[in-house]
């Protein structure tokens, strides 16, 4: 992947949009997230990497309350995530999420998949929702597929549709949970290009991925997780060229990129 200056943008003066303090989560006796502390600035892009089972996906799922944390605080865009359903709904309306699998409705056309959320959740008029859908389909370079059904598209095209669907809700934050891991290798690049363009537009992003080229090109910070803890975090240059933890060094030595 070509290097660019996307990750050179200074976000140090930006306000904190996500604040996680002393956050813990258990599945029964299993301590899946242990003492997570993380501040994310507006327009910052963070890549989270680590071995399978390290808690990466659980961490970002807690940020929009798909998973419930048991201890500590998560504050998203000034709203604390508690058991209060109104707060959860507010946060989810501001946070888009893209999963490994595309989760598109197979019986709806692409444009219908994109307009359902804005029409039913945000009460946007149908015509306006369709115009917004076409705008974002253009943005992910797939507008010509608008009236097809998901099953008629390739995996890479479906994942671009899933990204466009999230963008139609006009989120302030985008979470990506291994968005390319279910794709054939030749389809990975087209999805990463869409994400790079989002980065250039200044979207706040947290991306769980094994695509280290993307991390080098786009991230402001790279977080390495293992056994439910953030072991190391740094800017990409320092993270890849001068890792501090032995565990990080071992992980990087086993990854091809």
Protein backbone atom coordinates (compact mmCIF):
# COMPACT_ATOMS: atom_id res chain seq x y z
CA UNK A 1 0.00 0.00 0.00
CA UNK A 2 1.33 3.42 -0.89
CA UNK A 3 2.43 5.59 2.01
CA UNK A 4 0.79 9.01 2.20
CA UNK A 5 0.61 11.86 4.66
CA UNK A 6 -2.76 10.87 6.06
CA UNK A 7 -1.35 10.03 9.49
CA UNK A 8 0.74 13.20 9.71
CA UNK A 9 -2.27 15.39 10.57
CA UNK A 10 -1.88 16.88 14.06
CA UNK A 11 -4.81 15.99 16.33
CA UNK A 12 -3.16 17.03 19.60
CA UNK A 13 -5.29 20.20 19.86
CA UNK A 14 -8.56 18.40 19.17
CA UNK A 15 -11.10 17.62 21.88
CA UNK A 16 -11.42 14.14 23.36
CA UNK A 17 -14.37 12.36 21.72
CA UNK A 18 -13.98 8.94 23.43
CA UNK A 19 -12.71 8.52 27.00
CA UNK A 20 -12.33 5.08 28.56
CA UNK A 21 -11.20 4.98 32.21
CA UNK A 22 -10.30 1.89 34.27
CA UNK A 23 -12.67 -0.24 32.18
CA UNK A 24 -13.08 -3.95 32.91
CA UNK A 25 -15.23 -6.67 31.40
CA UNK A 26 -15.79 -10.28 32.38
CA UNK A 27 -17.47 -13.24 30.69
CA UNK A 28 -18.29 -15.21 33.82
CA UNK A 29 -14.91 -15.78 35.48
CA UNK A 30 -12.96 -14.85 32.35
CA UNK A 31 -11.48 -11.35 32.62
CA UNK A 32 -11.69 -10.39 28.95
CA UNK A 33 -10.78 -6.68 29.34
CA UNK A 34 -8.53 -5.56 32.18
CA UNK A 35 -8.01 -1.94 33.22
CA UNK A 36 -8.47 -0.32 29.81
CA UNK A 37 -7.61 3.39 29.67
CA UNK A 38 -7.88 5.19 26.35
CA UNK A 39 -8.49 8.76 25.19
CA UNK A 40 -9.37 9.27 21.52
CA UNK A 41 -9.25 12.76 20.03
CA UNK A 42 -11.70 14.01 17.43
CA UNK A 43 -10.43 13.07 13.92
CA UNK A 44 -7.87 10.66 15.41
CA UNK A 45 -7.40 7.26 13.80
CA UNK A 46 -6.36 4.36 15.99
CA UNK A 47 -5.48 0.86 14.80
CA UNK A 48 -5.85 -1.93 17.36
CA UNK A 49 -3.85 -5.10 16.72
CA UNK A 50 -2.94 -8.21 18.63
CA UNK A 51 -3.39 -12.00 18.64
CA UNK A 52 -6.79 -13.68 18.42
CA UNK A 53 -8.60 -13.64 21.76
CA UNK A 54 -6.77 -10.57 23.04
CA UNK A 55 -9.97 -8.53 23.53
CA UNK A 56 -9.67 -6.24 20.50
CA UNK A 57 -13.17 -6.75 19.12
CA UNK A 58 -14.72 -6.76 22.58
CA UNK A 59 -13.12 -3.38 23.26
CA UNK A 60 -14.70 -1.65 20.28
CA UNK A 61 -18.02 -3.44 20.82
CA UNK A 62 -18.11 -1.90 24.30
CA UNK A 63 -17.79 1.57 22.77
CA UNK A 64 -21.28 1.34 21.23
CA UNK A 65 -22.67 -0.97 23.94
CA UNK A 66 -22.93 -4.10 21.83
CA UNK A 67 -21.07 -5.48 24.85
CA UNK A 68 -21.62 -4.24 28.40
CA UNK A 69 -18.64 -3.40 30.61
CA UNK A 70 -18.89 -4.17 34.31
CA UNK A 71 -16.46 -1.64 35.80
CA UNK A 72 -15.03 1.75 34.88
CA UNK A 73 -16.33 4.46 32.55
CA UNK A 74 -16.85 4.85 28.82
CA UNK A 75 -17.79 8.36 27.67
CA UNK A 76 -18.55 8.85 23.97
CA UNK A 77 -19.01 12.39 22.63
CA UNK A 78 -19.87 13.61 26.14
CA UNK A 79 -22.36 10.81 26.89
CA UNK A 80 -21.53 8.13 29.47
CA UNK A 81 -22.55 4.60 28.57
CA UNK A 82 -24.61 3.19 31.41
CA UNK A 83 -27.72 1.04 31.56
CA UNK A 84 -29.73 4.12 30.51
CA UNK A 85 -31.27 3.11 27.17
CA UNK A 86 -31.63 6.73 26.01
CA UNK A 87 -27.88 7.26 26.39
CA UNK A 88 -27.17 4.02 24.53
CA UNK A 89 -29.44 5.09 21.67
CA UNK A 90 -27.76 8.53 21.52
CA UNK A 91 -24.30 6.99 21.34
CA UNK A 92 -25.31 4.44 18.73
CA UNK A 93 -26.77 7.22 16.57
CA UNK A 94 -23.34 8.90 16.55
CA UNK A 95 -21.17 5.79 16.15
CA UNK A 96 -21.07 3.76 12.94
CA UNK A 97 -19.80 0.19 12.98
CA UNK A 98 -18.59 -2.10 10.22
CA UNK A 99 -18.19 -5.80 10.96
CA UNK A 100 -16.22 -8.69 9.43
CA UNK A 101 -19.41 -9.90 7.79
CA UNK A 102 -21.48 -7.40 5.91
CA UNK A 103 -24.86 -7.96 7.63
CA UNK A 104 -26.79 -6.61 4.66
CA UNK A 105 -30.46 -7.50 4.24
CA UNK A 106 -30.43 -9.94 1.28
CA UNK A 107 -34.06 -9.24 0.28
CA UNK A 108 -33.51 -5.47 -0.03
CA UNK A 109 -31.69 -3.65 -2.81
CA UNK A 110 -28.46 -1.83 -2.01
CA UNK A 111 -30.16 1.57 -1.88
CA UNK A 112 -32.93 0.14 0.34
CA UNK A 113 -30.28 -1.24 2.71
CA UNK A 114 -28.77 2.25 2.96
CA UNK A 115 -32.02 4.18 3.46
CA UNK A 116 -33.63 1.93 6.08
CA UNK A 117 -31.71 3.37 9.07
CA UNK A 118 -32.10 7.07 8.20
CA UNK A 119 -35.82 6.65 7.43
CA UNK A 120 -36.75 4.57 10.49
CA UNK A 121 -34.26 5.82 13.09
CA UNK A 122 -33.60 9.43 12.10
CA UNK A 123 -37.05 9.97 10.48
CA UNK A 124 -35.43 11.32 7.31
CA UNK A 125 -37.86 11.71 4.36
CA UNK A 126 -37.45 8.92 1.80
CA UNK A 127 -36.32 11.20 -1.05
CA UNK A 128 -33.64 12.83 1.13
CA UNK A 129 -32.50 9.41 2.41
CA UNK A 130 -32.17 8.13 -1.16
CA UNK A 131 -30.15 11.20 -2.20
CA UNK A 132 -27.83 10.66 0.78
CA UNK A 133 -27.53 6.97 -0.07
CA UNK A 134 -26.50 7.76 -3.65
CA UNK A 135 -23.98 10.34 -2.39
CA UNK A 136 -22.24 7.76 -0.21
CA UNK A 137 -22.46 5.04 -2.84
CA UNK A 138 -20.62 7.46 -5.15
CA UNK A 139 -18.10 8.06 -2.37
CA UNK A 140 -17.32 4.34 -2.08
CA UNK A 141 -17.36 4.07 -5.91
CA UNK A 142 -20.24 1.66 -6.22
CA UNK A 143 -23.20 3.85 -7.25
CA UNK A 144 -23.87 1.73 -10.34
CA UNK A 145 -24.85 -1.18 -8.06
CA UNK A 146 -27.58 0.78 -6.22
CA UNK A 147 -30.53 -1.27 -7.49
CA UNK A 148 -28.94 -4.69 -7.29
CA UNK A 149 -29.32 -7.09 -4.37
CA UNK A 150 -26.39 -7.95 -2.04
CA UNK A 151 -26.12 -11.48 -3.45
CA UNK A 152 -25.28 -10.02 -6.87
CA UNK A 153 -22.18 -8.23 -5.52
CA UNK A 154 -18.68 -9.45 -4.69
CA UNK A 155 -17.50 -9.54 -1.08
CA UNK A 156 -15.44 -6.40 -1.51
CA UNK A 157 -18.41 -4.58 -3.03
CA UNK A 158 -20.68 -5.73 -0.19
CA UNK A 159 -18.22 -4.44 2.42
CA UNK A 160 -18.10 -1.07 0.64
CA UNK A 161 -21.91 -1.03 0.77
CA UNK A 162 -21.73 -1.77 4.52
CA UNK A 163 -19.38 1.21 5.00
CA UNK A 164 -21.69 3.46 2.96
CA UNK A 165 -24.67 2.27 5.03
CA UNK A 166 -22.93 3.36 8.23
CA UNK A 167 -22.01 6.72 6.70
CA UNK A 168 -25.66 7.37 5.79
CA UNK A 169 -26.37 7.71 9.51
CA UNK A 170 -23.91 10.67 9.57
CA UNK A 171 -21.80 9.28 12.44
CA UNK A 172 -19.08 11.24 14.24
CA UNK A 173 -17.09 8.06 14.89
CA UNK A 174 -16.54 4.89 12.85
CA UNK A 175 -15.58 1.55 14.39
CA UNK A 176 -14.23 -1.23 12.15
CA UNK A 177 -14.04 -4.80 13.43
CA UNK A 178 -11.59 -6.62 11.12
CA UNK A 179 -13.41 -5.30 8.02
CA UNK A 180 -11.20 -7.16 5.54
CA UNK A 181 -10.73 -10.51 7.30
CA UNK A 182 -13.65 -12.21 5.52
CA UNK A 183 -12.56 -11.03 2.07
CA UNK A 184 -10.57 -12.72 -0.64
CA UNK A 185 -7.09 -11.14 -0.85
CA UNK A 186 -7.77 -9.36 -4.14
CA UNK A 187 -10.81 -7.62 -2.60
CA UNK A 188 -8.95 -6.26 0.44
CA UNK A 189 -7.34 -3.33 -1.36
CA UNK A 190 -10.62 -1.83 -2.59
CA UNK A 191 -12.05 -1.75 0.94
CA UNK A 192 -8.86 -0.30 2.44
CA UNK A 193 -8.89 2.44 -0.20
CA UNK A 194 -12.37 3.46 0.92
CA UNK A 195 -11.15 3.58 4.53
CA UNK A 196 -8.11 5.65 3.54
CA UNK A 197 -10.42 8.17 1.85
CA UNK A 198 -12.50 8.35 5.03
CA UNK A 199 -9.30 9.07 6.93
CA UNK A 200 -8.46 11.90 4.57
CA UNK A 201 -11.91 13.39 5.27
CA UNK A 202 -11.06 13.57 9.00
CA UNK A 203 -13.33 10.81 10.31
CA UNK A 204 -12.58 9.60 13.84
CA UNK A 205 -11.81 5.90 13.41
CA UNK A 206 -10.91 2.91 15.57
CA UNK A 207 -9.92 -0.04 13.40
CA UNK A 208 -9.29 -3.58 14.59
CA UNK A 209 -7.21 -5.10 11.83
CA UNK A 210 -4.24 -7.25 10.89
CA UNK A 211 -3.52 -5.01 7.89
CA UNK A 212 -0.27 -3.48 9.12
CA UNK A 213 0.27 -1.58 5.88
CA UNK A 214 -2.96 0.26 6.59
CA UNK A 215 -1.78 0.97 10.15
CA UNK A 216 1.48 2.44 8.84
CA UNK A 217 -0.27 4.59 6.24
CA UNK A 218 -3.29 5.86 8.12
CA UNK A 219 -3.07 5.53 11.92
CA UNK A 220 -2.10 8.28 14.31
CA UNK A 221 -1.59 5.60 16.97
CA UNK A 222 -1.26 1.83 17.00
CA UNK A 223 -2.42 -0.11 20.07
CA UNK A 224 -1.20 -3.63 20.76
CA UNK A 225 -3.43 -5.79 22.96
CA UNK A 226 -2.79 -9.15 24.58
CA UNK A 227 -4.75 -11.07 27.24
CA UNK A 228 -7.29 -8.25 27.61
CA UNK A 229 -4.78 -5.47 28.24
CA UNK A 230 -3.27 -2.66 26.20
CA UNK A 231 0.38 -3.71 26.26
CA UNK A 232 1.80 -0.92 24.13
CA UNK A 233 0.71 2.14 22.16
CA UNK A 234 2.67 4.53 20.02
CA UNK A 235 2.74 6.35 16.71
CA UNK A 236 3.22 3.96 13.76
CA UNK A 237 6.86 4.81 13.14
CA UNK A 238 7.90 4.12 16.73
CA UNK A 239 5.55 1.17 17.11
CA UNK A 240 6.93 -0.72 14.13
CA UNK A 241 10.57 0.40 14.24
CA UNK A 242 11.17 0.59 17.98
CA UNK A 243 8.70 -1.60 19.92
CA UNK A 244 9.24 -1.51 23.67
CA UNK A 245 7.53 -4.65 24.93
CA UNK A 246 8.97 -8.13 24.32
CA UNK A 247 5.43 -9.31 23.62
CA UNK A 248 5.01 -6.65 20.92
CA UNK A 249 8.37 -7.57 19.40
CA UNK A 250 7.32 -11.23 19.22
CA UNK A 251 3.97 -10.35 17.62
CA UNK A 252 5.57 -8.13 14.98
CA UNK A 253 8.20 -10.76 14.19
CA UNK A 254 5.42 -13.21 13.32
CA UNK A 255 3.49 -10.89 11.01
CA UNK A 256 4.24 -10.58 7.32
CA UNK A 257 3.70 -7.14 5.83
